[in-house]
Protein backbone atom coordinates (compact mmCIF):
# COMPACT_ATOMS: atom_id res chain seq x y z
CA MET A 1 -63.17 -47.67 19.25
CA ARG A 2 -59.41 -48.45 18.51
CA ARG A 3 -59.43 -45.36 16.29
CA LEU A 4 -61.05 -42.96 18.45
CA TRP A 5 -57.83 -44.18 20.78
CA THR A 6 -55.19 -43.95 18.06
CA SER A 7 -56.47 -40.44 17.11
CA PHE A 8 -56.34 -39.69 21.02
CA ALA A 9 -53.03 -40.78 21.48
CA TYR A 10 -51.50 -38.67 18.39
CA VAL A 11 -53.42 -35.79 19.66
CA ALA A 12 -52.05 -36.24 22.95
CA ALA A 13 -48.23 -36.67 21.64
CA ALA A 14 -48.64 -33.59 19.12
CA ILE A 15 -49.69 -31.50 22.23
CA TYR A 16 -46.97 -32.75 24.35
CA LEU A 17 -44.17 -32.43 21.50
CA ILE A 18 -45.49 -28.69 21.15
CA VAL A 19 -45.22 -27.93 24.72
CA ASP A 20 -41.97 -29.89 25.15
CA VAL A 21 -40.57 -27.35 22.12
CA LEU A 22 -41.97 -24.19 23.76
CA LEU A 23 -40.62 -25.10 27.02
CA LEU A 24 -37.10 -26.21 25.53
CA SER A 25 -36.68 -22.81 23.70
CA LEU A 26 -37.61 -20.80 26.59
CA LEU A 27 -35.22 -22.46 29.03
CA ARG A 28 -32.13 -22.97 26.73
CA PRO A 29 -30.97 -19.70 27.57
CA ILE A 30 -31.18 -20.95 31.52
CA SER A 31 -29.02 -23.88 30.14
CA ARG A 32 -26.56 -21.90 28.53
CA TRP A 33 -26.14 -19.64 31.53
CA PHE A 34 -25.45 -22.49 33.75
CA ALA A 35 -22.67 -23.79 31.18
CA ALA A 36 -21.12 -20.47 31.33
CA ASN A 37 -21.16 -19.57 34.67
CA LEU A 38 -20.58 -23.05 36.49
CA PRO A 39 -18.29 -24.91 34.36
CA MET A 40 -17.67 -27.65 36.41
CA LEU A 41 -14.44 -28.85 33.90
CA ARG A 42 -13.80 -32.22 35.72
CA VAL A 43 -17.21 -33.51 35.87
CA CYS A 44 -18.33 -32.21 31.99
CA ALA A 45 -14.74 -34.12 31.25
CA TRP A 46 -15.62 -37.27 33.03
CA ILE A 47 -19.11 -37.10 31.14
CA ARG A 48 -17.63 -36.90 27.91
CA SER A 49 -15.22 -39.33 28.46
CA LEU A 50 -17.97 -42.16 29.10
CA PRO A 51 -18.84 -45.15 26.58
CA PRO A 52 -22.36 -44.80 24.64
CA TYR A 53 -24.51 -46.64 26.74
CA PRO A 54 -23.30 -45.50 30.07
CA THR A 55 -23.94 -42.00 28.91
CA LEU A 56 -27.24 -43.01 27.53
CA ALA A 57 -27.97 -44.32 31.20
CA LEU A 58 -26.61 -40.79 32.76
CA PHE A 59 -28.84 -38.96 30.07
CA SER A 60 -31.90 -40.98 31.72
CA VAL A 61 -31.11 -40.14 35.25
CA PRO A 62 -32.98 -36.47 35.22
CA VAL A 63 -36.02 -37.93 33.38
CA ILE A 64 -36.13 -40.81 35.65
CA LEU A 65 -35.92 -38.73 38.75
CA LEU A 66 -37.66 -36.00 37.96
CA GLU A 67 -40.45 -37.28 35.58
CA PRO A 68 -42.51 -38.23 38.80
CA VAL A 69 -42.83 -35.03 39.87
CA LYS A 70 -45.74 -34.61 37.47
CA MET A 71 -47.92 -37.40 39.18
CA VAL A 72 -47.00 -35.30 42.54
CA ALA A 73 -48.13 -32.20 41.25
CA ALA A 74 -51.22 -33.93 39.80
CA TYR A 75 -51.77 -35.58 43.59
CA MET A 76 -51.54 -31.95 44.83
CA ALA A 77 -54.13 -30.48 42.40
CA ALA A 78 -56.46 -33.22 42.99
CA THR A 79 -56.13 -32.77 46.82
CA GLY A 80 -57.00 -28.95 46.37
CA GLN A 81 -52.94 -27.50 46.60
CA ILE A 82 -53.71 -25.81 42.96
CA LEU A 83 -50.78 -23.14 43.67
CA TRP A 84 -48.39 -25.71 45.02
CA ALA A 85 -49.08 -28.16 42.44
CA ALA A 86 -48.12 -25.63 39.83
CA VAL A 87 -45.27 -24.44 41.19
CA THR A 88 -44.03 -28.33 41.95
CA PHE A 89 -44.77 -28.94 38.23
CA VAL A 90 -42.83 -25.91 36.88
CA ILE A 91 -40.01 -26.19 39.09
CA GLY A 92 -39.79 -30.17 38.28
CA GLU A 93 -40.06 -29.29 34.95
CA VAL A 94 -37.52 -26.80 34.47
CA LEU A 95 -34.92 -28.53 36.59
CA LYS A 96 -35.65 -31.68 33.97
CA LEU A 97 -35.23 -29.70 31.17
CA VAL A 98 -32.23 -27.84 31.99
CA LEU A 99 -30.35 -30.67 32.97
CA VAL A 100 -31.52 -32.60 29.97
CA GLU A 101 -30.52 -30.12 27.51
CA ARG A 102 -27.05 -29.51 29.35
CA LEU A 103 -26.29 -33.36 29.63
CA PHE A 104 -27.35 -33.67 25.63
CA GLU A 105 -25.15 -30.62 24.79
CA LEU A 106 -22.36 -32.71 26.62
CA THR A 107 -23.10 -35.89 25.12
CA LYS A 108 -24.56 -35.96 21.70
CA THR A 109 -21.96 -37.10 19.95
CA THR A 110 -21.43 -40.00 22.03
CA LEU A 111 -25.48 -40.54 22.16
CA MET A 112 -25.59 -40.73 18.21
CA LYS A 113 -23.33 -43.79 18.26
CA ILE A 114 -26.36 -45.83 19.62
CA PRO A 115 -28.27 -46.58 16.45
CA VAL A 116 -31.92 -46.59 18.15
CA PHE A 117 -31.26 -42.96 19.72
CA ALA A 118 -30.03 -41.29 16.54
CA TRP A 119 -33.09 -42.98 14.81
CA ALA A 120 -35.28 -41.44 17.59
CA TYR A 121 -33.30 -38.02 17.61
CA ASN A 122 -33.98 -37.87 13.98
CA HIS A 123 -37.43 -38.23 14.25
CA TYR A 124 -37.66 -35.69 17.08
CA SER A 125 -35.88 -33.31 15.14
CA ARG A 126 -37.66 -33.65 11.92
CA ALA A 127 -41.06 -33.13 14.42
CA THR A 128 -39.57 -30.22 16.00
CA ALA A 129 -38.85 -28.64 12.73
CA TRP A 130 -42.02 -29.06 11.26
CA VAL A 131 -43.67 -27.62 14.67
CA LYS A 132 -41.12 -24.40 13.92
CA GLU A 133 -42.50 -24.35 10.34
CA THR A 134 -46.13 -23.49 11.32
CA VAL A 135 -47.58 -20.32 11.18
CA ALA A 136 -48.88 -20.75 14.83
CA TRP A 137 -45.20 -21.15 15.89
CA ARG A 138 -44.24 -18.05 13.89
CA PHE A 139 -47.09 -16.13 15.87
CA VAL A 140 -45.92 -16.96 19.12
CA ARG A 141 -42.05 -17.05 18.64
CA ALA A 142 -42.77 -13.06 16.96
CA LEU A 143 -45.16 -12.43 20.38
CA SER A 144 -42.64 -13.61 22.46
CA LEU A 145 -39.86 -11.46 20.87
CA SER A 146 -42.37 -8.44 21.14
CA LEU A 147 -42.94 -8.90 24.79
CA ARG A 148 -39.03 -9.56 25.54
CA ASP A 149 -38.68 -5.91 23.51
CA HIS A 150 -41.22 -4.11 25.60
CA TYR A 151 -39.68 -5.59 28.53
CA ARG A 152 -36.12 -4.61 28.26
CA GLN A 153 -37.44 -1.24 27.33
CA TRP A 154 -39.62 -0.97 30.27
CA LEU A 155 -36.50 -2.08 32.71
CA HIS A 156 -34.43 0.16 30.63
CA SER A 157 -36.69 3.20 31.18
CA ALA A 158 -37.29 2.19 34.76
CA SER A 159 -33.67 2.15 35.55
CA ARG A 160 -33.04 5.54 33.77
CA HIS A 161 -35.98 7.14 36.06
CA HIS A 162 -34.40 5.44 39.42
CA ALA A 163 -31.20 6.91 38.53
CA PHE A 164 -32.69 10.32 37.97
CA ARG A 165 -34.33 10.30 41.09
CA GLN A 166 -31.41 9.28 42.81
CA TRP A 167 -29.63 12.49 41.69
CA GLN A 168 -32.46 14.87 43.17
């Protein structure tokens, strides 16, 4: 029985990691857009000036505040509010991942001074690299790039068609 639970835990952790890697790769451009368009120089300077353990505490705030959103979404789904549960879950995850990504980008060098954090990040990086080497990841990545290109072509042709109709 213990072996079954251990196997289940590994599969659940692997699925969570893969979903996290996929979502993070989709949301990283949003995080970079916020960094470019909302620089908040004083706040960024203050965050960078923090010592390692207060930085870790600040880094954990979005996770602590936004992780319970998953449970709220699960409760909403269990009570029959499927659409609102999905919206709540997606908004909570997007906020959490964008904030964590932005904070990590600002504080990576400081956080790496904490040995346990550096050790955990090293293992996370290796697991992420392994996921990105799989055939499934390459297939999903190629599919997403193809869809993005088709979407851009569609937008371009739609905007040209709209501009043409305005001149008529």
